[in-house]
């Protein structure tokens, strides 16, 4: 009925000082329609969190596509 979202984690199974955990109802999760778990393709979702994250050195916003800039087929990394 819900999922736990963890921001700012190095080890999601351990509690770390900079982690922020939110419970998101399944109704607040929109998974990419072409997600293929066996191929790890389109592994992205939009989440509507009931609470706002607090930005710190471990949690920062990312730039979203706008206008004609889509980022389609471009490599991405998470640090």
N, C-alpha and C. Protein backbone atom coordinates (compact mmCIF):
# COMPACT_ATOMS: atom_id res chain seq x y z
N UNK A 1 0.81 -1.21 0.00
CA UNK A 1 0.00 0.00 0.00
C UNK A 1 0.84 1.26 0.00
N UNK A 2 2.15 1.12 0.27
CA UNK A 2 3.03 2.28 0.29
C UNK A 2 4.47 1.84 0.04
N UNK A 3 5.33 2.82 -0.16
CA UNK A 3 6.76 2.55 -0.35
C UNK A 3 7.54 3.55 0.51
N UNK A 4 8.70 3.12 0.97
CA UNK A 4 9.58 4.02 1.72
C UNK A 4 10.62 4.54 0.75
N UNK A 5 10.74 5.87 0.69
CA UNK A 5 11.72 6.53 -0.17
C UNK A 5 12.84 7.04 0.72
N UNK A 6 14.08 6.79 0.32
CA UNK A 6 15.24 7.19 1.12
C UNK A 6 16.08 8.17 0.31
N UNK A 7 16.24 9.37 0.81
CA UNK A 7 17.10 10.39 0.19
C UNK A 7 18.43 10.45 0.94
N UNK A 8 19.50 10.73 0.24
CA UNK A 8 20.79 10.98 0.87
C UNK A 8 21.46 9.77 1.49
N UNK A 9 21.22 8.58 0.93
CA UNK A 9 21.76 7.36 1.53
C UNK A 9 22.94 6.80 0.75
N UNK A 10 23.91 6.30 1.47
CA UNK A 10 24.96 5.47 0.87
C UNK A 10 24.58 4.01 1.01
N UNK A 11 23.99 3.68 2.14
CA UNK A 11 23.57 2.31 2.44
C UNK A 11 22.11 2.37 2.90
N UNK A 12 21.19 2.01 2.01
CA UNK A 12 19.76 2.17 2.33
C UNK A 12 19.29 1.25 3.44
N UNK A 13 20.01 0.18 3.73
CA UNK A 13 19.61 -0.74 4.79
C UNK A 13 20.12 -0.31 6.17
N UNK A 14 20.93 0.74 6.19
CA UNK A 14 21.46 1.26 7.45
C UNK A 14 20.96 2.68 7.67
N UNK A 15 20.77 3.05 8.92
CA UNK A 15 20.40 4.43 9.23
C UNK A 15 21.67 5.27 9.25
N UNK A 16 21.66 6.34 8.47
CA UNK A 16 22.80 7.26 8.40
C UNK A 16 22.31 8.66 8.76
N UNK A 17 23.18 9.50 9.31
CA UNK A 17 22.76 10.82 9.79
C UNK A 17 22.11 11.71 8.73
N UNK A 18 22.54 11.61 7.47
CA UNK A 18 22.01 12.51 6.44
C UNK A 18 20.83 11.95 5.67
N UNK A 19 20.39 10.75 6.01
CA UNK A 19 19.25 10.16 5.32
C UNK A 19 17.95 10.87 5.70
N UNK A 20 17.06 10.90 4.73
CA UNK A 20 15.70 11.37 4.95
C UNK A 20 14.78 10.29 4.39
N UNK A 21 13.88 9.80 5.21
CA UNK A 21 12.98 8.71 4.80
C UNK A 21 11.54 9.22 4.82
N UNK A 22 10.83 8.88 3.74
CA UNK A 22 9.43 9.26 3.61
C UNK A 22 8.62 8.05 3.17
N UNK A 23 7.44 7.92 3.70
CA UNK A 23 6.52 6.88 3.25
C UNK A 23 5.60 7.52 2.21
N UNK A 24 5.57 6.93 1.02
CA UNK A 24 4.76 7.45 -0.08
C UNK A 24 3.69 6.42 -0.41
N UNK A 25 2.42 6.82 -0.40
CA UNK A 25 1.37 5.88 -0.79
C UNK A 25 1.54 5.46 -2.25
N UNK A 26 1.18 4.22 -2.58
CA UNK A 26 1.32 3.75 -3.96
C UNK A 26 0.59 4.64 -4.94
N UNK A 27 -0.50 5.27 -4.52
CA UNK A 27 -1.23 6.18 -5.40
C UNK A 27 -0.37 7.40 -5.76
N UNK A 28 0.67 7.68 -4.99
CA UNK A 28 1.56 8.81 -5.25
C UNK A 28 2.79 8.44 -6.05
N UNK A 29 2.81 7.24 -6.65
CA UNK A 29 3.96 6.77 -7.43
C UNK A 29 3.52 6.49 -8.86
N UNK A 30 4.17 7.15 -9.81
CA UNK A 30 3.89 6.92 -11.22
C UNK A 30 5.15 6.33 -11.85
N UNK A 31 5.10 5.06 -12.18
CA UNK A 31 6.25 4.35 -12.76
C UNK A 31 6.23 4.53 -14.28
N UNK A 32 7.40 4.63 -14.89
CA UNK A 32 7.50 4.76 -16.34
C UNK A 32 6.71 3.62 -17.00
N UNK A 33 5.86 3.93 -17.99
CA UNK A 33 5.01 2.89 -18.59
C UNK A 33 5.79 1.79 -19.31
N UNK A 34 7.04 2.04 -19.68
CA UNK A 34 7.85 1.03 -20.38
C UNK A 34 8.93 0.43 -19.48
N UNK A 35 8.76 0.53 -18.18
CA UNK A 35 9.73 -0.04 -17.24
C UNK A 35 9.83 -1.54 -17.46
N UNK A 36 11.09 -2.02 -17.58
CA UNK A 36 11.36 -3.44 -17.78
C UNK A 36 12.36 -3.88 -16.71
N UNK A 37 11.87 -4.43 -15.60
CA UNK A 37 12.78 -4.79 -14.50
C UNK A 37 13.88 -5.76 -14.90
N UNK A 38 13.58 -6.74 -15.74
CA UNK A 38 14.59 -7.73 -16.10
C UNK A 38 15.74 -7.13 -16.91
N UNK A 39 15.49 -6.03 -17.61
CA UNK A 39 16.52 -5.38 -18.42
C UNK A 39 17.03 -4.08 -17.78
N UNK A 40 16.43 -3.72 -16.67
CA UNK A 40 16.74 -2.45 -16.00
C UNK A 40 16.62 -1.29 -16.99
N UNK A 41 15.54 -1.28 -17.74
CA UNK A 41 15.28 -0.20 -18.70
C UNK A 41 14.13 0.66 -18.20
N UNK A 42 14.25 1.97 -18.43
CA UNK A 42 13.22 2.93 -18.04
C UNK A 42 12.91 2.84 -16.54
N UNK A 43 13.96 2.67 -15.75
CA UNK A 43 13.80 2.50 -14.30
C UNK A 43 13.75 3.87 -13.63
N UNK A 44 12.64 4.55 -13.87
CA UNK A 44 12.43 5.88 -13.30
C UNK A 44 10.96 6.02 -12.94
N UNK A 45 10.70 6.82 -11.93
CA UNK A 45 9.33 7.05 -11.50
C UNK A 45 9.21 8.48 -10.97
N UNK A 46 7.99 8.96 -10.94
CA UNK A 46 7.69 10.25 -10.33
C UNK A 46 6.99 9.95 -9.01
N UNK A 47 7.47 10.57 -7.94
CA UNK A 47 6.90 10.35 -6.62
C UNK A 47 6.32 11.63 -6.09
N UNK A 48 5.16 11.54 -5.48
CA UNK A 48 4.57 12.68 -4.79
C UNK A 48 4.74 12.43 -3.30
N UNK A 49 5.73 13.07 -2.72
CA UNK A 49 6.03 12.88 -1.30
C UNK A 49 5.11 13.74 -0.44
N UNK A 50 4.62 13.20 0.66
CA UNK A 50 3.76 13.98 1.55
C UNK A 50 4.53 15.08 2.30
N UNK A 51 5.86 14.98 2.31
CA UNK A 51 6.69 15.97 2.99
C UNK A 51 7.80 16.43 2.06
N UNK A 52 8.26 17.64 2.26
CA UNK A 52 9.37 18.16 1.45
C UNK A 52 10.70 17.70 2.02
N UNK A 53 11.64 17.42 1.14
CA UNK A 53 13.00 17.06 1.57
C UNK A 53 13.73 18.31 2.02
N UNK A 54 14.66 18.13 2.92
CA UNK A 54 15.53 19.22 3.35
C UNK A 54 16.84 19.08 2.60
N UNK A 55 17.24 20.12 1.87
CA UNK A 55 18.49 20.05 1.11
C UNK A 55 19.67 20.16 2.06
N UNK A 56 20.67 19.32 1.80
CA UNK A 56 21.94 19.35 2.52
C UNK A 56 23.00 18.83 1.56
N UNK A 57 24.19 18.55 2.02
CA UNK A 57 25.24 18.11 1.10
C UNK A 57 24.92 16.77 0.46
N UNK A 58 24.05 15.97 1.07
CA UNK A 58 23.71 14.64 0.55
C UNK A 58 22.41 14.63 -0.25
N UNK A 59 21.61 15.67 -0.15
CA UNK A 59 20.31 15.75 -0.84
C UNK A 59 20.24 17.09 -1.58
N UNK A 60 20.20 17.02 -2.90
CA UNK A 60 20.16 18.22 -3.73
C UNK A 60 19.16 18.02 -4.87
N UNK A 61 18.57 19.10 -5.37
CA UNK A 61 17.66 18.98 -6.51
C UNK A 61 18.44 18.70 -7.79
N UNK A 62 17.75 18.16 -8.79
CA UNK A 62 18.37 17.95 -10.09
C UNK A 62 17.67 18.83 -11.12
N UNK A 63 18.36 19.07 -12.21
CA UNK A 63 17.79 19.86 -13.29
C UNK A 63 16.84 18.99 -14.10
N UNK A 64 15.65 19.49 -14.36
CA UNK A 64 14.67 18.76 -15.16
C UNK A 64 14.66 19.28 -16.58
N UNK A 65 14.19 18.45 -17.49
CA UNK A 65 14.07 18.84 -18.89
C UNK A 65 13.06 19.98 -19.02
N UNK A 66 13.35 20.88 -19.96
CA UNK A 66 12.40 21.95 -20.24
C UNK A 66 12.56 22.38 -21.69
N UNK A 67 11.49 22.88 -22.27
CA UNK A 67 11.54 23.32 -23.66
C UNK A 67 11.91 22.18 -24.58
N UNK A 68 12.91 22.39 -25.43
CA UNK A 68 13.34 21.36 -26.37
C UNK A 68 14.44 20.48 -25.80
N UNK A 69 14.94 20.80 -24.62
CA UNK A 69 16.02 20.03 -23.97
C UNK A 69 15.40 18.86 -23.22
N UNK A 70 15.52 17.63 -23.74
CA UNK A 70 14.84 16.48 -23.15
C UNK A 70 15.77 15.55 -22.39
N UNK A 71 17.07 15.57 -22.63
CA UNK A 71 18.04 14.66 -22.05
C UNK A 71 17.84 13.22 -22.51
N UNK A 72 17.01 13.00 -23.51
CA UNK A 72 16.75 11.65 -24.00
C UNK A 72 18.02 11.02 -24.55
N UNK A 73 18.27 9.76 -24.19
CA UNK A 73 19.43 8.96 -24.61
C UNK A 73 20.76 9.54 -24.16
N UNK A 74 20.77 10.35 -23.11
CA UNK A 74 22.01 10.87 -22.57
C UNK A 74 22.37 10.10 -21.30
N UNK A 75 23.65 9.90 -21.09
CA UNK A 75 24.11 9.21 -19.88
C UNK A 75 23.87 10.09 -18.66
N UNK A 76 23.58 9.47 -17.54
CA UNK A 76 23.38 10.20 -16.29
C UNK A 76 24.09 9.44 -15.18
N UNK A 77 24.45 10.17 -14.13
CA UNK A 77 25.08 9.52 -12.99
C UNK A 77 24.55 10.11 -11.70
N UNK A 78 24.62 9.34 -10.65
CA UNK A 78 24.21 9.77 -9.33
C UNK A 78 25.44 9.67 -8.45
N UNK A 79 25.76 10.75 -7.74
CA UNK A 79 26.94 10.75 -6.86
C UNK A 79 26.53 10.62 -5.44
